[in-house]
Amino acid sequence: MAQGYQVFGVSKDSQASHIKFKEKYNLPFPLLSDPTTDMLQAFGAWGEKRNYGKVSMGTLRKTFVFNAEGILERIIEKVDTKNHTAQLDLF
């Protein structure tokens, strides 16, 4: 990546749906499938969501920024999908 980031997307969706999604949006990074939600839960990215008054469990959009040594430096709790690049302007 141009800024030195290595990006991975993770969701409960199947690998087949990830392939279609990646192709549709021409994403230049891997999408990981976590059907058991083990990884999502470990990162606190699985939880209760509300949409139009309906409550359900699902993937919570968060970004985790690790340094080159693998140490977590920052968590972006509220991802703004339209302006996420600006949210990553850390330094």
PDB file of N, CA and C in Angstrom:
ATOM      1  N   MET A   1       0.842  -1.178   0.000  1.00  0.00           N
ATOM      2  CA  MET A   1       0.000   0.000   0.000  1.00  0.00           C
ATOM      3  C   MET A   1       0.888   1.242   0.000  1.00  0.00           C
ATOM      4  N   ALA A   2       0.411   2.308  -0.585  1.00  0.00           N
ATOM      5  CA  ALA A   2       1.193   3.524  -0.754  1.00  0.00           C
ATOM      6  C   ALA A   2       1.657   4.120   0.562  1.00  0.00           C
ATOM      7  N   GLN A   3       0.852   4.051   1.599  1.00  0.00           N
ATOM      8  CA  GLN A   3       1.203   4.643   2.890  1.00  0.00           C
ATOM      9  C   GLN A   3       1.926   3.663   3.795  1.00  0.00           C
ATOM     10  N   GLY A   4       2.211   2.476   3.319  1.00  0.00           N
ATOM     11  CA  GLY A   4       2.901   1.487   4.125  1.00  0.00           C
ATOM     12  C   GLY A   4       1.971   0.592   4.925  1.00  0.00           C
ATOM     13  N   TYR A   5       0.684   0.692   4.698  1.00  0.00           N
ATOM     14  CA  TYR A   5      -0.274  -0.147   5.395  1.00  0.00           C
ATOM     15  C   TYR A   5      -0.467  -1.454   4.647  1.00  0.00           C
ATOM     16  N   GLN A   6      -0.679  -2.515   5.388  1.00  0.00           N
ATOM     17  CA  GLN A   6      -1.133  -3.765   4.801  1.00  0.00           C
ATOM     18  C   GLN A   6      -2.554  -3.936   5.308  1.00  0.00           C
ATOM     19  N   VAL A   7      -3.504  -4.066   4.406  1.00  0.00           N
ATOM     20  CA  VAL A   7      -4.924  -4.069   4.754  1.00  0.00           C
ATOM     21  C   VAL A   7      -5.507  -5.468   4.612  1.00  0.00           C
ATOM     22  N   PHE A   8      -6.360  -5.832   5.579  1.00  0.00           N
ATOM     23  CA  PHE A   8      -7.140  -7.067   5.522  1.00  0.00           C
ATOM     24  C   PHE A   8      -8.560  -6.721   5.943  1.00  0.00           C
ATOM     25  N   GLY A   9      -9.531  -7.255   5.255  1.00  0.00           N
ATOM     26  CA  GLY A   9     -10.923  -7.120   5.660  1.00  0.00           C
ATOM     27  C   GLY A   9     -11.375  -8.444   6.246  1.00  0.00           C
ATOM     28  N   VAL A  10     -12.187  -8.394   7.299  1.00  0.00           N
ATOM     29  CA  VAL A  10     -12.666  -9.617   7.944  1.00  0.00           C
ATOM     30  C   VAL A  10     -14.169  -9.504   8.161  1.00  0.00           C
ATOM     31  N   SER A  11     -14.898 -10.556   7.825  1.00  0.00           N
ATOM     32  CA  SER A  11     -16.320 -10.620   8.153  1.00  0.00           C
ATOM     33  C   SER A  11     -16.729 -12.084   8.247  1.00  0.00           C
ATOM     34  N   LYS A  12     -17.951 -12.284   8.690  1.00  0.00           N
ATOM     35  CA  LYS A  12     -18.504 -13.632   8.832  1.00  0.00           C
ATOM     36  C   LYS A  12     -18.894 -14.229   7.480  1.00  0.00           C
ATOM     37  N   ASP A  13     -18.992 -13.395   6.460  1.00  0.00           N
ATOM     38  CA  ASP A  13     -19.437 -13.849   5.144  1.00  0.00           C
ATOM     39  C   ASP A  13     -18.542 -14.967   4.598  1.00  0.00           C
ATOM     40  N   SER A  14     -19.092 -15.761   3.713  1.00  0.00           N
ATOM     41  CA  SER A  14     -18.353 -16.885   3.126  1.00  0.00           C
ATOM     42  C   SER A  14     -17.240 -16.395   2.207  1.00  0.00           C
ATOM     43  N   GLN A  15     -16.286 -17.280   1.970  1.00  0.00           N
ATOM     44  CA  GLN A  15     -15.186 -16.943   1.060  1.00  0.00           C
ATOM     45  C   GLN A  15     -15.728 -16.671  -0.336  1.00  0.00           C
ATOM     46  N   ALA A  16     -16.740 -17.410  -0.759  1.00  0.00           N
ATOM     47  CA  ALA A  16     -17.337 -17.206  -2.088  1.00  0.00           C
ATOM     48  C   ALA A  16     -17.928 -15.802  -2.196  1.00  0.00           C
ATOM     49  N   SER A  17     -18.615 -15.341  -1.162  1.00  0.00           N
ATOM     50  CA  SER A  17     -19.189 -13.991  -1.214  1.00  0.00           C
ATOM     51  C   SER A  17     -18.086 -12.937  -1.181  1.00  0.00           C
ATOM     52  N   HIS A  18     -16.989 -13.226  -0.471  1.00  0.00           N
ATOM     53  CA  HIS A  18     -15.851 -12.302  -0.450  1.00  0.00           C
ATOM     54  C   HIS A  18     -15.249 -12.141  -1.840  1.00  0.00           C
ATOM     55  N   ILE A  19     -15.146 -13.236  -2.569  1.00  0.00           N
ATOM     56  CA  ILE A  19     -14.581 -13.179  -3.919  1.00  0.00           C
ATOM     57  C   ILE A  19     -15.432 -12.272  -4.799  1.00  0.00           C
ATOM     58  N   LYS A  20     -16.748 -12.448  -4.750  1.00  0.00           N
ATOM     59  CA  LYS A  20     -17.650 -11.603  -5.542  1.00  0.00           C
ATOM     60  C   LYS A  20     -17.551 -10.143  -5.127  1.00  0.00           C
ATOM     61  N   PHE A  21     -17.535  -9.877  -3.811  1.00  0.00           N
ATOM     62  CA  PHE A  21     -17.466  -8.515  -3.287  1.00  0.00           C
ATOM     63  C   PHE A  21     -16.149  -7.857  -3.709  1.00  0.00           C
ATOM     64  N   LYS A  22     -15.050  -8.579  -3.585  1.00  0.00           N
ATOM     65  CA  LYS A  22     -13.733  -8.058  -3.945  1.00  0.00           C
ATOM     66  C   LYS A  22     -13.679  -7.709  -5.434  1.00  0.00           C
ATOM     67  N   GLU A  23     -14.230  -8.569  -6.266  1.00  0.00           N
ATOM     68  CA  GLU A  23     -14.257  -8.316  -7.713  1.00  0.00           C
ATOM     69  C   GLU A  23     -15.163  -7.133  -8.048  1.00  0.00           C
ATOM     70  N   LYS A  24     -16.330  -7.072  -7.418  1.00  0.00           N
ATOM     71  CA  LYS A  24     -17.287  -5.994  -7.684  1.00  0.00           C
ATOM     72  C   LYS A  24     -16.689  -4.620  -7.391  1.00  0.00           C
ATOM     73  N   TYR A  25     -15.962  -4.507  -6.266  1.00  0.00           N
ATOM     74  CA  TYR A  25     -15.412  -3.211  -5.849  1.00  0.00           C
ATOM     75  C   TYR A  25     -13.927  -3.068  -6.144  1.00  0.00           C
ATOM     76  N   ASN A  26     -13.354  -4.053  -6.853  1.00  0.00           N
ATOM     77  CA  ASN A  26     -11.949  -4.013  -7.258  1.00  0.00           C
ATOM     78  C   ASN A  26     -11.033  -3.727  -6.055  1.00  0.00           C
ATOM     79  N   LEU A  27     -11.224  -4.468  -4.987  1.00  0.00           N
ATOM     80  CA  LEU A  27     -10.455  -4.241  -3.764  1.00  0.00           C
ATOM     81  C   LEU A  27      -9.045  -4.809  -3.906  1.00  0.00           C
ATOM     82  N   PRO A  28      -8.026  -4.033  -3.523  1.00  0.00           N
ATOM     83  CA  PRO A  28      -6.642  -4.486  -3.683  1.00  0.00           C
ATOM     84  C   PRO A  28      -6.071  -5.161  -2.435  1.00  0.00           C
ATOM     85  N   PHE A  29      -6.942  -5.711  -1.581  1.00  0.00           N
ATOM     86  CA  PHE A  29      -6.473  -6.345  -0.351  1.00  0.00           C
ATOM     87  C   PHE A  29      -7.295  -7.598  -0.072  1.00  0.00           C
ATOM     88  N   PRO A  30      -6.746  -8.515   0.733  1.00  0.00           N
ATOM     89  CA  PRO A  30      -7.457  -9.762   1.033  1.00  0.00           C
ATOM     90  C   PRO A  30      -8.653  -9.553   1.950  1.00  0.00           C
ATOM     91  N   LEU A  31      -9.668 -10.371   1.731  1.00  0.00           N
ATOM     92  CA  LEU A  31     -10.836 -10.425   2.618  1.00  0.00           C
ATOM     93  C   LEU A  31     -10.823 -11.794   3.289  1.00  0.00           C
ATOM     94  N   LEU A  32     -10.871 -11.793   4.609  1.00  0.00           N
ATOM     95  CA  LEU A  32     -10.819 -13.035   5.372  1.00  0.00           C
ATOM     96  C   LEU A  32     -12.213 -13.417   5.848  1.00  0.00           C
ATOM     97  N   SER A  33     -12.533 -14.692   5.727  1.00  0.00           N
ATOM     98  CA  SER A  33     -13.822 -15.205   6.156  1.00  0.00           C
ATOM     99  C   SER A  33     -13.685 -15.803   7.558  1.00  0.00           C
ATOM    100  N   ASP A  34     -14.554 -15.361   8.470  1.00  0.00           N
ATOM    101  CA  ASP A  34     -14.555 -15.841   9.854  1.00  0.00           C
ATOM    102  C   ASP A  34     -15.961 -16.332  10.206  1.00  0.00           C
ATOM    103  N   PRO A  35     -16.388 -17.467   9.610  1.00  0.00           N
ATOM    104  CA  PRO A  35     -17.769 -17.921   9.810  1.00  0.00           C
ATOM    105  C   PRO A  35     -18.109 -18.259  11.260  1.00  0.00           C
ATOM    106  N   THR A  36     -17.125 -18.589  12.072  1.00  0.00           N
ATOM    107  CA  THR A  36     -17.378 -18.897  13.487  1.00  0.00           C
ATOM    108  C   THR A  36     -17.386 -17.631  14.347  1.00  0.00           C
ATOM    109  N   THR A  37     -16.953 -16.525  13.807  1.00  0.00           N
ATOM    110  CA  THR A  37     -16.797 -15.214  14.470  1.00  0.00           C
ATOM    111  C   THR A  37     -15.745 -15.223  15.588  1.00  0.00           C
ATOM    112  N   ASP A  38     -14.910 -16.247  15.643  1.00  0.00           N
ATOM    113  CA  ASP A  38     -13.882 -16.314  16.691  1.00  0.00           C
ATOM    114  C   ASP A  38     -12.939 -15.113  16.654  1.00  0.00           C
ATOM    115  N   MET A  39     -12.431 -14.786  15.469  1.00  0.00           N
ATOM    116  CA  MET A  39     -11.513 -13.647  15.350  1.00  0.00           C
ATOM    117  C   MET A  39     -12.250 -12.337  15.613  1.00  0.00           C
ATOM    118  N   LEU A  40     -13.433 -12.195  15.046  1.00  0.00           N
ATOM    119  CA  LEU A  40     -14.209 -10.977  15.253  1.00  0.00           C
ATOM    120  C   LEU A  40     -14.483 -10.753  16.735  1.00  0.00           C
ATOM    121  N   GLN A  41     -14.840 -11.807  17.447  1.00  0.00           N
ATOM    122  CA  GLN A  41     -15.103 -11.683  18.876  1.00  0.00           C
ATOM    123  C   GLN A  41     -13.828 -11.342  19.647  1.00  0.00           C
ATOM    124  N   ALA A  42     -12.709 -11.968  19.278  1.00  0.00           N
ATOM    125  CA  ALA A  42     -11.439 -11.707  19.960  1.00  0.00           C
ATOM    126  C   ALA A  42     -11.025 -10.239  19.836  1.00  0.00           C
ATOM    127  N   PHE A  43     -11.368  -9.612  18.709  1.00  0.00           N
ATOM    128  CA  PHE A  43     -11.025  -8.210  18.486  1.00  0.00           C
ATOM    129  C   PHE A  43     -12.135  -7.253  18.913  1.00  0.00           C
ATOM    130  N   GLY A  44     -13.210  -7.786  19.471  1.00  0.00           N
ATOM    131  CA  GLY A  44     -14.315  -6.918  19.879  1.00  0.00           C
ATOM    132  C   GLY A  44     -15.054  -6.320  18.701  1.00  0.00           C
ATOM    133  N   ALA A  45     -15.018  -7.034  17.573  1.00  0.00           N
ATOM    134  CA  ALA A  45     -15.646  -6.542  16.351  1.00  0.00           C
ATOM    135  C   ALA A  45     -16.900  -7.342  15.997  1.00  0.00           C
ATOM    136  N   TRP A  46     -17.466  -8.022  16.964  1.00  0.00           N
ATOM    137  CA  TRP A  46     -18.720  -8.745  16.783  1.00  0.00           C
ATOM    138  C   TRP A  46     -19.623  -8.336  17.938  1.00  0.00           C
ATOM    139  N   GLY A  47     -20.815  -7.876  17.612  1.00  0.00           N
ATOM    140  CA  GLY A  47     -21.688  -7.460  18.699  1.00  0.00           C
ATOM    141  C   GLY A  47     -23.058  -7.039  18.218  1.00  0.00           C
ATOM    142  N   GLU A  48     -23.781  -6.432  19.130  1.00  0.00           N
ATOM    143  CA  GLU A  48     -25.151  -6.007  18.877  1.00  0.00           C
ATOM    144  C   GLU A  48     -25.168  -4.778  17.975  1.00  0.00           C
ATOM    145  N   LYS A  49     -26.014  -4.848  16.955  1.00  0.00           N
ATOM    146  CA  LYS A  49     -26.187  -3.738  16.010  1.00  0.00           C
ATOM    147  C   LYS A  49     -27.661  -3.367  15.974  1.00  0.00           C
ATOM    148  N   ARG A  50     -27.911  -2.111  15.729  1.00  0.00           N
ATOM    149  CA  ARG A  50     -29.294  -1.643  15.586  1.00  0.00           C
ATOM    150  C   ARG A  50     -29.443  -1.008  14.200  1.00  0.00           C
ATOM    151  N   ASN A  51     -30.489  -1.416  13.513  1.00  0.00           N
ATOM    152  CA  ASN A  51     -30.751  -0.869  12.183  1.00  0.00           C
ATOM    153  C   ASN A  51     -32.260  -0.703  12.035  1.00  0.00           C
ATOM    154  N   TYR A  52     -32.685   0.531  11.940  1.00  0.00           N
ATOM    155  CA  TYR A  52     -34.113   0.846  11.821  1.00  0.00           C
ATOM    156  C   TYR A  52     -34.922   0.213  12.953  1.00  0.00           C
ATOM    157  N   GLY A  53     -34.376   0.261  14.170  1.00  0.00           N
ATOM    158  CA  GLY A  53     -35.062  -0.254  15.336  1.00  0.00           C
ATOM    159  C   GLY A  53     -34.915  -1.742  15.571  1.00  0.00           C
ATOM    160  N   LYS A  54     -34.374  -2.454  14.600  1.00  0.00           N
ATOM    161  CA  LYS A  54     -34.184  -3.897  14.731  1.00  0.00           C
ATOM    162  C   LYS A  54     -32.802  -4.172  15.327  1.00  0.00           C
ATOM    163  N   VAL A  55     -32.754  -5.047  16.317  1.00  0.00           N
ATOM    164  CA  VAL A  55     -31.497  -5.410  16.968  1.00  0.00           C
ATOM    165  C   VAL A  55     -31.046  -6.772  16.460  1.00  0.00           C
ATOM    166  N   SER A  56     -29.770  -6.863  16.078  1.00  0.00           N
ATOM    167  CA  SER A  56     -29.219  -8.142  15.627  1.00  0.00           C
ATOM    168  C   SER A  56     -27.735  -8.176  15.963  1.00  0.00           C
ATOM    169  N   MET A  57     -27.154  -9.354  15.859  1.00  0.00           N
ATOM    170  CA  MET A  57     -25.720  -9.506  16.062  1.00  0.00           C
ATOM    171  C   MET A  57     -25.042  -9.429  14.702  1.00  0.00           C
ATOM    172  N   GLY A  58     -23.874  -8.787  14.662  1.00  0.00           N
ATOM    173  CA  GLY A  58     -23.170  -8.679  13.398  1.00  0.00           C
ATOM    174  C   GLY A  58     -21.782  -8.095  13.557  1.00  0.00           C
ATOM    175  N   THR A  59     -21.114  -7.961  12.434  1.00  0.00           N
ATOM    176  CA  THR A  59     -19.766  -7.409  12.409  1.00  0.00           C
ATOM    177  C   THR A  59     -19.833  -5.914  12.663  1.00  0.00           C
ATOM    178  N   LEU A  60     -19.021  -5.457  13.606  1.00  0.00           N
ATOM    179  CA  LEU A  60     -18.918  -4.028  13.915  1.00  0.00           C
ATOM    180  C   LEU A  60     -17.734  -3.474  13.147  1.00  0.00           C
ATOM    181  N   ARG A  61     -17.958  -2.411  12.386  1.00  0.00           N
ATOM    182  CA  ARG A  61     -16.875  -1.836  11.587  1.00  0.00           C
ATOM    183  C   ARG A  61     -15.872  -1.144  12.489  1.00  0.00           C
ATOM    184  N   LYS A  62     -14.670  -1.692  12.510  1.00  0.00           N
ATOM    185  CA  LYS A  62     -13.567  -1.117  13.271  1.00  0.00           C
ATOM    186  C   LYS A  62     -12.301  -1.287  12.459  1.00  0.00           C
ATOM    187  N   THR A  63     -11.332  -0.427  12.719  1.00  0.00           N
ATOM    188  CA  THR A  63     -10.026  -0.557  12.090  1.00  0.00           C
ATOM    189  C   THR A  63      -8.978  -0.659  13.180  1.00  0.00           C
ATOM    190  N   PHE A  64      -8.090  -1.629  13.033  1.00  0.00           N
ATOM    191  CA  PHE A  64      -7.005  -1.846  13.971  1.00  0.00           C
ATOM    192  C   PHE A  64      -5.702  -1.546  13.247  1.00  0.00           C
ATOM    193  N   VAL A  65      -4.910  -0.649  13.791  1.00  0.00           N
ATOM    194  CA  VAL A  65      -3.650  -0.260  13.166  1.00  0.00           C
ATOM    195  C   VAL A  65      -2.512  -0.812  14.022  1.00  0.00           C
ATOM    196  N   PHE A  66      -1.711  -1.678  13.415  1.00  0.00           N
ATOM    197  CA  PHE A  66      -0.560  -2.282  14.075  1.00  0.00           C
ATOM    198  C   PHE A  66       0.709  -1.701  13.471  1.00  0.00           C
ATOM    199  N   ASN A  67       1.751  -1.554  14.271  1.00  0.00           N
ATOM    200  CA  ASN A  67       3.020  -1.079  13.728  1.00  0.00           C
ATOM    201  C   ASN A  67       3.779  -2.248  13.108  1.00  0.00           C
ATOM    202  N   ALA A  68       4.958  -1.986  12.577  1.00  0.00           N
ATOM    203  CA  ALA A  68       5.743  -3.007  11.876  1.00  0.00           C
ATOM    204  C   ALA A  68       6.125  -4.166  12.792  1.00  0.00           C
ATOM    205  N   GLU A  69       6.156  -3.930  14.092  1.00  0.00           N
ATOM    206  CA  GLU A  69       6.495  -4.983  15.048  1.00  0.00           C
ATOM    207  C   GLU A  69       5.262  -5.782  15.489  1.00  0.00           C
ATOM    208  N   GLY A  70       4.098  -5.432  14.963  1.00  0.00           N
ATOM    209  CA  GLY A  70       2.876  -6.144  15.299  1.00  0.00           C
ATOM    210  C   GLY A  70       2.204  -5.652  16.567  1.00  0.00           C
ATOM    211  N   ILE A  71       2.597  -4.464  17.035  1.00  0.00           N
ATOM    212  CA  ILE A  71       2.005  -3.892  18.241  1.00  0.00           C
ATOM    213  C   ILE A  71       0.844  -2.984  17.852  1.00  0.00           C
ATOM    214  N   LEU A  72      -0.293  -3.195  18.507  1.00  0.00           N
ATOM    215  CA  LEU A  72      -1.483  -2.389  18.234  1.00  0.00           C
ATOM    216  C   LEU A  72      -1.232  -0.950  18.654  1.00  0.00           C
ATOM    217  N   GLU A  73      -1.386  -0.027  17.703  1.00  0.00           N
ATOM    218  CA  GLU A  73      -1.149   1.388  17.980  1.00  0.00           C
ATOM    219  C   GLU A  73      -2.428   2.188  18.114  1.00  0.00           C
ATOM    220  N   ARG A  74      -3.459   1.781  17.383  1.00  0.00           N
ATOM    221  CA  ARG A  74      -4.686   2.580  17.382  1.00  0.00           C
ATOM    222  C   ARG A  74      -5.865   1.731  16.943  1.00  0.00           C
ATOM    223  N   ILE A  75      -7.016   2.018  17.515  1.00  0.00           N
ATOM    224  CA  ILE A  75      -8.271   1.408  17.078  1.00  0.00           C
ATOM    225  C   ILE A  75      -9.197   2.545  16.664  1.00  0.00           C
ATOM    226  N   ILE A  76      -9.712   2.453  15.465  1.00  0.00           N
ATOM    227  CA  ILE A  76     -10.722   3.406  15.009  1.00  0.00           C
ATOM    228  C   ILE A  76     -12.060   2.714  15.213  1.00  0.00           C
ATOM    229  N   GLU A  77     -12.799   3.176  16.220  1.00  0.00           N
ATOM    230  CA  GLU A  77     -14.048   2.526  16.621  1.00  0.00           C
ATOM    231  C   GLU A  77     -15.208   2.830  15.682  1.00  0.00           C
ATOM    232  N   LYS A  78     -15.231   4.034  15.139  1.00  0.00           N
ATOM    233  CA  LYS A  78     -16.337   4.433  14.257  1.00  0.00           C
ATOM    234  C   LYS A  78     -15.770   4.725  12.876  1.00  0.00           C
ATOM    235  N   VAL A  79     -15.814   3.725  12.028  1.00  0.00           N
ATOM    236  CA  VAL A  79     -15.273   3.855  10.680  1.00  0.00           C
ATOM    237  C   VAL A  79     -16.233   4.668   9.819  1.00  0.00           C
ATOM    238  N   ASP A  80     -15.714   5.717   9.221  1.00  0.00           N
ATOM    239  CA  ASP A  80     -16.457   6.535   8.258  1.00  0.00           C
ATOM    240  C   ASP A  80     -16.056   6.024   6.876  1.00  0.00           C
ATOM    241  N   THR A  81     -16.889   5.169   6.287  1.00  0.00           N
ATOM    242  CA  THR A  81     -16.503   4.486   5.049  1.00  0.00           C
ATOM    243  C   THR A  81     -16.170   5.441   3.911  1.00  0.00           C
ATOM    244  N   LYS A  82     -16.781   6.606   3.882  1.00  0.00           N
ATOM    245  CA  LYS A  82     -16.510   7.561   2.801  1.00  0.00           C
ATOM    246  C   LYS A  82     -15.239   8.365   3.036  1.00  0.00           C
ATOM    247  N   ASN A  83     -14.808   8.481   4.269  1.00  0.00           N
ATOM    248  CA  ASN A  83     -13.638   9.296   4.599  1.00  0.00           C
ATOM    249  C   ASN A  83     -12.610   8.526   5.416  1.00  0.00           C
ATOM    250  N   HIS A  84     -12.556   7.228   5.216  1.00  0.00           N
ATOM    251  CA  HIS A  84     -11.695   6.408   6.065  1.00  0.00           C
ATOM    252  C   HIS A  84     -10.210   6.682   5.844  1.00  0.00           C
ATOM    253  N   THR A  85      -9.822   7.043   4.634  1.00  0.00           N
ATOM    254  CA  THR A  85      -8.428   7.373   4.381  1.00  0.00           C
ATOM    255  C   THR A  85      -7.980   8.512   5.273  1.00  0.00           C
ATOM    256  N   ALA A  86      -8.824   9.520   5.434  1.00  0.00           N
ATOM    257  CA  ALA A  86      -8.493  10.642   6.316  1.00  0.00           C
ATOM    258  C   ALA A  86      -8.413  10.189   7.764  1.00  0.00           C
ATOM    259  N   GLN A  87      -9.245   9.235   8.157  1.00  0.00           N
ATOM    260  CA  GLN A  87      -9.180   8.710   9.512  1.00  0.00           C
ATOM    261  C   GLN A  87      -7.851   8.009   9.778  1.00  0.00           C
ATOM    262  N   LEU A  88      -7.241   7.478   8.731  1.00  0.00           N
ATOM    263  CA  LEU A  88      -5.967   6.771   8.873  1.00  0.00           C
ATOM    264  C   LEU A  88      -4.775   7.716   8.828  1.00  0.00           C
ATOM    265  N   ASP A  89      -4.995   8.969   8.567  1.00  0.00           N
ATOM    266  CA  ASP A  89      -3.929   9.954   8.566  1.00  0.00           C
ATOM    267  C   ASP A  89      -3.456  10.150   9.994  1.00  0.00           C
ATOM    268  N   LEU A  90      -2.634   9.228  10.463  1.00  0.00           N
ATOM    269  CA  LEU A  90      -2.287   9.176  11.880  1.00  0.00           C
ATOM    270  C   LEU A  90      -1.189  10.157  12.277  1.00  0.00           C
ATOM    271  N   PHE A  91      -0.252  10.364  11.415  1.00  0.00           N
ATOM    272  CA  PHE A  91       0.933  11.111  11.851  1.00  0.00           C
ATOM    273  C   PHE A  91       1.126  12.359  11.034  1.00  0.00           C
TER     274      PHE A  91
END
